[in-house]
């Protein structure tokens, strides 16, 4: 079954009907993303983008398009930008957006626009072929290959006034931005737990292996605890943007530390064999390592839109 079919199945089964952050069940939201990441990190990457898009729409008082799969494309690079121009015919979207995960898989995307000012626009991914082009040739890693991460070019794509979701600057200047930043950390934590599951399924019981297994178990336990605590804190004070920012950055840091320890211990405990000869474990390992690089760009510390690269 393809990744898109699996995502559709999660949607049909109601697995993607998550509580919105800050509404009393944020810890449950984190646990659901954790569980999907534990199953498959590529699947979790797309699922998290979809549920984040639904949360953004809800925060803006909007309803999603029924049965549509959503993406969020918020990465900003200095050499590529999107323009939202007002013409005699109406609003038009032009330019390129890099790091668009699930390009070609989603029905609609929430896309950040930086010119003439910072806004977020809802775009249908089913216009004429000439209006939108997808270039996935730059992605050479085998990790996340199925997510179809690409550069998407928009050529005078018509945009309805109602599809400009918020006023200038509101995308970043809202508590929900930081609540949403915890979602990828939940997926990342689940990906690490999946590797710990593999370790616990092995039959080795020598002291060296057992010592690492104990530490791996502690890492997985800690990851769940971090996510639960962050969820409870979010629900206790959902509108405090300053606290939300600190919490998101702190959560992502401690999750990064635990995930890095899992990667290090898996390699040291079992050597190259599972990473070289077990395709599932090799992919999980590479994706967890690459997800770290995606989650922790330099812009995160400046609170830029790169914080939520999808």
Protein backbone atom coordinates (compact mmCIF):
# COMPACT_ATOMS: atom_id res chain seq x y z
CA UNK A 1 0.00 0.00 0.00
CA UNK A 2 1.39 3.39 -0.96
CA UNK A 3 2.08 6.07 1.60
CA UNK A 4 -0.83 8.17 0.32
CA UNK A 5 -3.20 5.20 0.59
CA UNK A 6 -2.07 4.58 4.15
CA UNK A 7 -2.62 8.24 4.99
CA UNK A 8 -6.09 8.08 3.43
CA UNK A 9 -6.81 4.99 5.51
CA UNK A 10 -5.86 6.83 8.70
CA UNK A 11 -8.20 9.63 7.64
CA UNK A 12 -11.08 7.24 6.92
CA UNK A 13 -10.55 5.46 10.24
CA UNK A 14 -10.71 8.73 12.16
CA UNK A 15 -7.12 8.41 13.37
CA UNK A 16 -6.39 11.93 12.11
CA UNK A 17 -9.32 13.46 13.99
CA UNK A 18 -7.13 14.81 16.75
CA UNK A 19 -8.11 17.26 19.49
CA UNK A 20 -6.82 20.75 18.78
CA UNK A 21 -3.89 21.96 20.91
CA UNK A 22 -4.79 24.00 23.95
CA UNK A 23 -8.33 22.65 24.26
CA UNK A 24 -7.80 20.22 27.12
CA UNK A 25 -6.48 17.11 25.37
CA UNK A 26 -3.13 18.21 23.98
CA UNK A 27 -1.30 15.34 25.67
CA UNK A 28 -3.61 12.90 23.85
CA UNK A 29 -2.84 14.73 20.59
CA UNK A 30 0.89 14.28 21.24
CA UNK A 31 0.42 10.59 22.05
CA UNK A 32 -1.46 9.95 18.81
CA UNK A 33 1.32 11.54 16.76
CA UNK A 34 3.86 9.60 18.83
CA UNK A 35 2.08 6.33 18.01
CA UNK A 36 2.00 7.09 14.27
CA UNK A 37 5.70 7.94 14.35
CA UNK A 38 6.38 4.72 16.20
CA UNK A 39 4.70 2.85 13.34
CA UNK A 40 6.32 4.76 10.47
CA UNK A 41 8.11 8.12 10.51
CA UNK A 42 7.33 8.90 6.85
CA UNK A 43 3.64 8.36 7.54
CA UNK A 44 3.86 10.49 10.67
CA UNK A 45 5.54 13.29 8.77
CA UNK A 46 2.55 13.59 6.43
CA UNK A 47 -0.04 12.97 9.15
CA UNK A 48 1.42 15.71 11.34
CA UNK A 49 1.33 18.22 8.51
CA UNK A 50 -2.32 17.40 7.83
CA UNK A 51 -3.45 17.73 11.45
CA UNK A 52 -1.39 20.90 11.90
CA UNK A 53 -3.17 22.40 8.90
CA UNK A 54 -6.54 21.55 10.44
CA UNK A 55 -5.49 23.22 13.71
CA UNK A 56 -4.34 26.35 11.86
CA UNK A 57 -7.66 26.56 10.03
CA UNK A 58 -9.60 26.06 13.26
CA UNK A 59 -7.60 28.79 15.01
CA UNK A 60 -8.49 31.12 12.14
CA UNK A 61 -12.18 30.21 12.47
CA UNK A 62 -12.26 28.30 9.19
CA UNK A 63 -13.45 24.85 8.22
CA UNK A 64 -11.29 22.50 6.14
CA UNK A 65 -12.36 21.22 2.76
CA UNK A 66 -14.20 17.93 3.50
CA UNK A 67 -12.14 14.77 2.91
CA UNK A 68 -9.15 16.75 1.63
CA UNK A 69 -5.61 15.88 2.64
CA UNK A 70 -3.65 18.97 3.68
CA UNK A 71 0.00 19.98 3.82
CA UNK A 72 1.72 22.95 5.44
CA UNK A 73 4.58 24.51 3.47
CA UNK A 74 6.18 27.13 5.68
CA UNK A 75 9.92 26.84 4.99
CA UNK A 76 11.49 30.16 4.02
CA UNK A 77 14.76 30.42 2.08
CA UNK A 78 16.58 33.59 1.08
CA UNK A 79 16.82 32.63 -2.60
CA UNK A 80 13.19 31.63 -3.07
CA UNK A 81 10.05 33.53 -2.19
CA UNK A 82 6.38 33.57 -2.98
CA UNK A 83 4.49 36.68 -4.05
CA UNK A 84 0.82 37.37 -3.60
CA UNK A 85 0.07 39.99 -6.23
CA UNK A 86 -3.13 41.93 -6.69
CA UNK A 87 -3.95 42.25 -10.38
CA UNK A 88 -6.97 43.42 -12.35
CA UNK A 89 -8.12 39.79 -12.38
CA UNK A 90 -7.69 39.41 -8.60
CA UNK A 91 -5.06 37.85 -6.36
CA UNK A 92 -2.35 35.68 -7.95
CA UNK A 93 0.35 33.52 -6.37
CA UNK A 94 3.75 33.35 -8.07
CA UNK A 95 7.21 32.07 -7.14
CA UNK A 96 8.77 28.95 -5.65
CA UNK A 97 8.58 27.17 -2.31
CA UNK A 98 11.25 24.65 -1.25
CA UNK A 99 11.01 21.71 1.17
CA UNK A 100 7.37 20.94 0.30
CA UNK A 101 6.74 17.51 1.77
CA UNK A 102 3.86 15.49 0.30
CA UNK A 103 3.93 17.54 -2.90
CA UNK A 104 1.79 15.62 -5.37
CA UNK A 105 0.08 13.74 -2.54
CA UNK A 106 -2.05 16.40 -0.85
CA UNK A 107 -5.22 18.00 -2.16
CA UNK A 108 -4.68 21.39 -0.54
CA UNK A 109 -1.75 23.18 1.10
CA UNK A 110 -1.36 26.05 3.53
CA UNK A 111 1.52 28.04 2.06
CA UNK A 112 3.37 30.94 3.64
CA UNK A 113 3.89 34.00 1.43
CA UNK A 114 6.56 36.58 2.22
CA UNK A 115 6.01 39.28 -0.44
CA UNK A 116 4.68 41.93 -0.11
CA UNK A 117 4.13 40.86 3.51
CA UNK A 118 3.95 37.65 5.49
CA UNK A 119 0.68 35.78 5.10
CA UNK A 120 -0.59 32.22 4.84
CA UNK A 121 -2.72 31.16 1.88
CA UNK A 122 -4.80 28.05 1.29
CA UNK A 123 -4.07 26.67 -2.18
CA UNK A 124 -5.77 23.90 -4.14
CA UNK A 125 -3.26 21.51 -5.66
CA UNK A 126 -5.56 20.65 -8.54
CA UNK A 127 -5.42 23.66 -10.89
CA UNK A 128 -4.22 23.49 -14.49
CA UNK A 129 -0.87 21.81 -15.08
CA UNK A 130 0.74 25.01 -16.29
CA UNK A 131 -0.06 26.87 -13.06
CA UNK A 132 1.77 24.58 -10.60
CA UNK A 133 4.89 22.49 -11.24
CA UNK A 134 6.57 20.08 -8.85
CA UNK A 135 10.30 19.31 -9.01
CA UNK A 136 11.46 16.48 -6.79
CA UNK A 137 14.78 15.94 -8.56
CA UNK A 138 16.79 17.65 -5.84
CA UNK A 139 15.92 15.08 -3.14
CA UNK A 140 18.66 12.44 -3.28
CA UNK A 141 18.33 10.83 0.15
CA UNK A 142 16.60 7.45 0.43
CA UNK A 143 15.15 8.61 3.75
CA UNK A 144 11.66 10.10 3.32
CA UNK A 145 11.78 9.34 -0.40
CA UNK A 146 8.10 8.33 -0.33
CA UNK A 147 7.04 11.69 1.12
CA UNK A 148 7.77 13.35 -2.23
CA UNK A 149 9.52 16.38 -0.77
CA UNK A 150 10.00 18.84 -3.61
CA UNK A 151 10.26 22.42 -4.77
CA UNK A 152 6.88 23.67 -5.96
CA UNK A 153 6.65 26.54 -8.45
CA UNK A 154 3.49 28.63 -8.73
CA UNK A 155 2.84 30.61 -11.89
CA UNK A 156 0.09 33.20 -11.44
CA UNK A 157 -2.14 30.78 -9.55
CA UNK A 158 -5.50 32.49 -8.87
CA UNK A 159 -6.25 32.92 -5.15
CA UNK A 160 -9.67 33.83 -3.79
CA UNK A 161 -9.80 36.57 -1.17
CA UNK A 162 -11.30 34.08 1.27
CA UNK A 163 -8.28 31.79 0.86
CA UNK A 164 -5.95 34.37 2.44
CA UNK A 165 -6.29 32.96 5.91
CA UNK A 166 -5.03 35.67 8.25
CA UNK A 167 -3.85 39.25 8.41
CA UNK A 168 -0.21 40.12 7.81
CA UNK A 169 2.11 38.53 10.37
CA UNK A 170 -0.58 36.58 12.19
CA UNK A 171 0.78 33.17 11.20
CA UNK A 172 3.86 33.59 13.39
CA UNK A 173 2.35 35.91 16.00
CA UNK A 174 -0.06 33.47 17.59
CA UNK A 175 0.21 30.89 20.38
CA UNK A 176 -0.89 28.15 18.01
CA UNK A 177 2.32 28.50 16.02
CA UNK A 178 4.29 27.26 19.02
CA UNK A 179 1.70 24.66 20.01
CA UNK A 180 1.99 23.26 16.50
CA UNK A 181 5.78 23.21 16.79
CA UNK A 182 5.43 20.44 19.37
CA UNK A 183 3.77 18.12 16.84
CA UNK A 184 6.90 17.23 14.84
CA UNK A 185 8.71 16.55 18.12
CA UNK A 186 5.99 14.03 19.02
CA UNK A 187 6.49 12.25 15.69
CA UNK A 188 10.25 12.30 16.12
CA UNK A 189 9.92 10.81 19.59
CA UNK A 190 7.71 8.06 18.18
CA UNK A 191 10.32 7.28 15.53
CA UNK A 192 12.90 6.77 18.26
CA UNK A 193 10.49 4.52 20.18
CA UNK A 194 10.15 2.38 17.06
CA UNK A 195 13.90 1.75 17.11
CA UNK A 196 13.72 0.92 20.81
CA UNK A 197 10.98 -1.63 19.99
CA UNK A 198 13.39 -3.25 17.53
CA UNK A 199 16.12 -3.38 20.17
CA UNK A 200 13.81 -4.99 22.71
CA UNK A 201 12.78 -7.66 20.18
CA UNK A 202 16.35 -8.96 19.83
CA UNK A 203 17.53 -12.04 21.69
CA UNK A 204 20.93 -10.88 22.89
CA UNK A 205 21.36 -10.80 26.68
CA UNK A 206 25.06 -10.08 27.22
CA UNK A 207 25.90 -7.36 29.78
CA UNK A 208 26.94 -4.86 27.10
CA UNK A 209 23.61 -5.18 25.29
CA UNK A 210 21.55 -5.16 28.49
CA UNK A 211 23.20 -1.95 29.68
CA UNK A 212 22.28 -0.22 26.42
CA UNK A 213 18.76 -1.68 26.49
CA UNK A 214 18.21 -0.20 29.93
CA UNK A 215 19.27 3.22 28.68
CA UNK A 216 17.12 2.88 25.55
CA UNK A 217 14.10 1.98 27.68
CA UNK A 218 14.75 5.08 29.81
CA UNK A 219 14.96 7.22 26.65
CA UNK A 220 11.60 5.95 25.40
CA UNK A 221 10.01 6.48 28.81
CA UNK A 222 11.41 10.00 29.02
CA UNK A 223 10.13 10.90 25.56
CA UNK A 224 6.57 9.97 26.48
CA UNK A 225 6.87 11.90 29.74
CA UNK A 226 8.15 15.03 27.97
CA UNK A 227 5.23 14.99 25.54
CA UNK A 228 2.62 14.42 28.25
CA UNK A 229 4.00 17.20 30.43
CA UNK A 230 4.18 19.65 27.51
CA UNK A 231 0.59 18.80 26.63
CA UNK A 232 -0.66 19.44 30.16
CA UNK A 233 1.25 22.73 30.33
CA UNK A 234 -0.26 23.83 27.01
CA UNK A 235 -3.79 23.17 28.23
CA UNK A 236 -3.17 25.01 31.49
CA UNK A 237 -2.26 28.28 29.75
CA UNK A 238 -3.05 28.01 26.03
CA UNK A 239 -3.04 31.72 25.17
CA UNK A 240 0.33 32.62 26.68
CA UNK A 241 2.51 33.00 23.60
CA UNK A 242 5.73 33.62 25.53
CA UNK A 243 5.36 30.44 27.55
CA UNK A 244 4.31 28.53 24.43
CA UNK A 245 7.50 29.55 22.64
CA UNK A 246 9.76 28.54 25.52
CA UNK A 247 7.90 25.26 25.95
CA UNK A 248 8.17 24.33 22.26
CA UNK A 249 11.89 25.12 22.09
CA UNK A 250 12.52 23.25 25.34
CA UNK A 251 10.53 20.21 24.23
CA UNK A 252 12.29 20.02 20.91
CA UNK A 253 15.67 20.26 22.64
CA UNK A 254 15.04 17.47 25.15
CA UNK A 255 13.48 15.27 22.45
CA UNK A 256 16.52 15.88 20.26
CA UNK A 257 18.82 14.82 23.07
CA UNK A 258 16.94 11.58 23.73
CA UNK A 259 16.62 10.72 20.02
CA UNK A 260 20.31 11.32 19.47
CA UNK A 261 21.08 8.95 22.34
CA UNK A 262 18.82 6.30 20.78
CA UNK A 263 20.62 6.61 17.44
CA UNK A 264 24.02 6.38 19.10
CA UNK A 265 23.14 3.37 21.24
CA UNK A 266 21.43 1.39 18.46
CA UNK A 267 24.56 1.68 16.33
CA UNK A 268 26.92 0.84 19.19
CA UNK A 269 24.84 -2.08 20.44
CA UNK A 270 24.05 -3.91 17.20
CA UNK A 271 26.80 -2.65 14.90
CA UNK A 272 26.36 -2.23 11.15
CA UNK A 273 24.31 -5.38 10.48
CA UNK A 274 20.75 -4.02 11.00
CA UNK A 275 21.67 -0.69 9.44
CA UNK A 276 23.16 -2.36 6.36
CA UNK A 277 21.01 -5.47 5.90
CA UNK A 278 17.62 -4.77 7.49
CA UNK A 279 15.79 -2.40 5.09
CA UNK A 280 13.13 -1.37 7.59
CA UNK A 281 15.56 -0.58 10.41
CA UNK A 282 17.99 1.12 8.03
CA UNK A 283 15.20 3.39 6.75
CA UNK A 284 13.93 4.13 10.27
CA UNK A 285 17.43 5.00 11.43
CA UNK A 286 18.15 7.29 8.47
CA UNK A 287 14.78 9.01 8.71
CA UNK A 288 15.13 9.66 12.42
CA UNK A 289 18.57 11.15 11.83
CA UNK A 290 17.35 13.28 8.89
CA UNK A 291 14.23 14.41 10.76
CA UNK A 292 16.53 15.88 13.40
CA UNK A 293 18.23 18.04 10.77
CA UNK A 294 14.84 19.14 9.45
CA UNK A 295 13.50 20.01 12.89
CA UNK A 296 16.45 22.01 14.15
CA UNK A 297 17.38 24.62 11.52
CA UNK A 298 19.21 27.72 12.71
CA UNK A 299 16.05 29.74 12.19
CA UNK A 300 14.33 27.95 15.06
CA UNK A 301 16.17 30.05 17.59
CA UNK A 302 14.98 33.23 15.89
CA UNK A 303 11.39 32.03 15.83
CA UNK A 304 11.30 32.06 12.03
CA UNK A 305 8.90 30.17 9.81
CA UNK A 306 11.59 27.53 9.35
CA UNK A 307 10.56 26.39 12.81
CA UNK A 308 7.73 24.39 11.30
CA UNK A 309 9.29 23.04 8.10
CA UNK A 310 6.98 20.29 6.83
